[in-house]
Amino acid sequence: MKEVVCVVCPMGCRLQVDEDNDYAVTGNSCPRGATYGKAEVTNPTRVLTSTVRVRGGLYPRLPVKTRSEVPKAKLMEVMSIINEVEVAAPVKMGEVVVSDVCGTGVDIVATRDM
């Protein structure tokens, strides 16, 4: 049995996920908590936010994020790619900085104009 705090809504329910019983979830106040608890134990994912270097911009770094969630196990690999990226201004918010990062099918996008 694993305990997980649900972050889907502000309630912060303490979920118990029974790995021996087909990942049955208890302690949730809503159905979204059950979905989150099972996913968090079987395949945890995260949206990653960071910055990349930018040439010719107002600031030396451009804020970026993954367009959607990536597997938690790949976060360090994704960060190693992000750390190597340098873009040239101008860049528009939502513009793809890295496509299909680490074969996840997820793009890294700019989160502001520069």
Protein backbone atom coordinates (compact mmCIF):
# COMPACT_ATOMS: atom_id res chain seq x y z
CA MET A 1 0.00 0.00 0.00
CA LYS A 2 1.37 3.41 -1.00
CA GLU A 3 0.21 6.77 0.26
CA VAL A 4 -0.02 9.68 -2.17
CA VAL A 5 -1.24 13.24 -1.66
CA CYS A 6 -3.55 14.20 -4.51
CA VAL A 7 -2.71 17.50 -6.24
CA VAL A 8 -5.56 17.57 -8.76
CA CYS A 9 -7.60 20.03 -6.68
CA PRO A 10 -6.99 22.14 -3.54
CA MET A 11 -8.45 19.47 -1.21
CA GLY A 12 -5.14 17.58 -0.98
CA CYS A 13 -6.72 14.21 -0.23
CA ARG A 14 -4.45 11.55 1.26
CA LEU A 15 -4.86 8.61 -1.06
CA GLN A 16 -4.02 5.00 -0.30
CA VAL A 17 -3.18 2.97 -3.40
CA ASP A 18 -3.30 -0.79 -2.98
CA GLU A 19 -0.80 -2.25 -5.45
CA ASP A 20 -1.90 -5.80 -4.62
CA ASN A 21 -5.56 -5.13 -5.44
CA ASP A 22 -5.34 -3.81 -9.03
CA TYR A 23 -4.27 -0.35 -7.78
CA ALA A 24 -7.49 0.28 -5.90
CA VAL A 25 -7.56 3.84 -4.54
CA THR A 26 -9.21 4.94 -1.28
CA GLY A 27 -9.30 8.27 0.51
CA ASN A 28 -10.29 10.30 -2.54
CA SER A 29 -13.12 12.86 -2.40
CA CYS A 30 -13.71 12.84 -6.15
CA PRO A 31 -13.23 10.46 -9.11
CA ARG A 32 -10.26 12.52 -10.36
CA GLY A 33 -8.35 11.53 -7.23
CA ALA A 34 -8.70 7.84 -8.04
CA THR A 35 -7.35 8.42 -11.55
CA TYR A 36 -4.47 10.52 -10.22
CA GLY A 37 -3.55 8.00 -7.51
CA LYS A 38 -3.37 5.06 -9.90
CA ALA A 39 -1.33 7.07 -12.45
CA GLU A 40 1.04 8.38 -9.79
CA VAL A 41 1.90 4.86 -8.66
CA THR A 42 2.00 3.15 -12.07
CA ASN A 43 3.49 5.88 -14.31
CA PRO A 44 4.19 9.24 -12.62
CA THR A 45 4.43 12.22 -14.97
CA ARG A 46 5.29 15.89 -14.58
CA VAL A 47 5.24 19.14 -16.53
CA LEU A 48 8.80 20.47 -16.51
CA THR A 49 9.58 24.19 -16.39
CA SER A 50 13.05 25.63 -16.93
CA THR A 51 15.00 28.21 -18.94
CA VAL A 52 17.24 28.11 -22.01
CA ARG A 53 19.96 30.49 -23.17
CA VAL A 54 18.90 33.17 -25.64
CA ARG A 55 21.05 35.34 -27.94
CA GLY A 56 19.96 38.90 -28.72
CA GLY A 57 17.12 38.99 -26.23
CA LEU A 58 16.20 41.44 -23.52
CA TYR A 59 17.30 38.86 -20.93
CA PRO A 60 19.96 36.12 -21.12
CA ARG A 61 17.48 33.28 -20.39
CA LEU A 62 14.13 32.35 -21.93
CA PRO A 63 11.54 30.55 -19.78
CA VAL A 64 10.30 27.27 -21.28
CA LYS A 65 8.12 24.32 -20.31
CA THR A 66 7.00 20.99 -21.67
CA ARG A 67 3.75 21.33 -23.61
CA SER A 68 2.34 18.39 -21.63
CA GLU A 69 3.52 15.92 -19.03
CA VAL A 70 6.60 13.73 -19.50
CA PRO A 71 7.45 10.56 -17.55
CA LYS A 72 9.10 11.40 -14.25
CA ALA A 73 11.87 8.91 -15.02
CA LYS A 74 12.88 11.01 -18.05
CA LEU A 75 13.12 14.39 -16.27
CA MET A 76 16.91 14.34 -15.90
CA GLU A 77 17.35 13.31 -19.53
CA VAL A 78 15.04 16.13 -20.66
CA MET A 79 16.95 18.61 -18.50
CA SER A 80 20.26 17.56 -20.07
CA ILE A 81 18.79 18.45 -23.49
CA ILE A 82 17.38 21.76 -22.21
CA ASN A 83 20.77 22.70 -20.74
CA GLU A 84 22.35 22.44 -24.22
CA VAL A 85 19.75 24.58 -26.02
CA GLU A 86 20.42 28.15 -27.15
CA VAL A 87 17.88 30.09 -29.20
CA ALA A 88 18.14 33.38 -31.09
CA ALA A 89 15.69 36.21 -30.47
CA PRO A 90 13.01 36.98 -31.47
CA VAL A 91 11.01 34.13 -29.99
CA LYS A 92 7.22 34.11 -29.58
CA MET A 93 5.36 32.62 -26.63
CA GLY A 94 4.26 29.09 -27.53
CA GLU A 95 6.98 28.66 -30.15
CA VAL A 96 8.53 25.19 -30.16
CA VAL A 97 12.11 25.31 -28.86
CA VAL A 98 12.72 21.53 -28.90
CA SER A 99 10.35 19.14 -30.65
CA ASP A 100 9.74 15.58 -29.44
CA VAL A 101 12.21 15.87 -26.58
CA CYS A 102 13.87 12.53 -25.77
CA GLY A 103 11.38 10.65 -27.95
CA THR A 104 8.50 11.42 -25.58
CA GLY A 105 6.34 13.07 -28.24
CA VAL A 106 6.28 16.22 -26.11
CA ASP A 107 7.62 19.60 -27.26
CA ILE A 108 9.49 22.18 -25.20
CA VAL A 109 7.84 25.58 -25.80
CA ALA A 110 8.66 29.20 -24.91
CA THR A 111 6.47 30.67 -22.19
CA ARG A 112 7.05 34.34 -23.05
CA ASP A 113 7.92 36.57 -25.98
CA MET A 114 11.57 37.57 -26.19
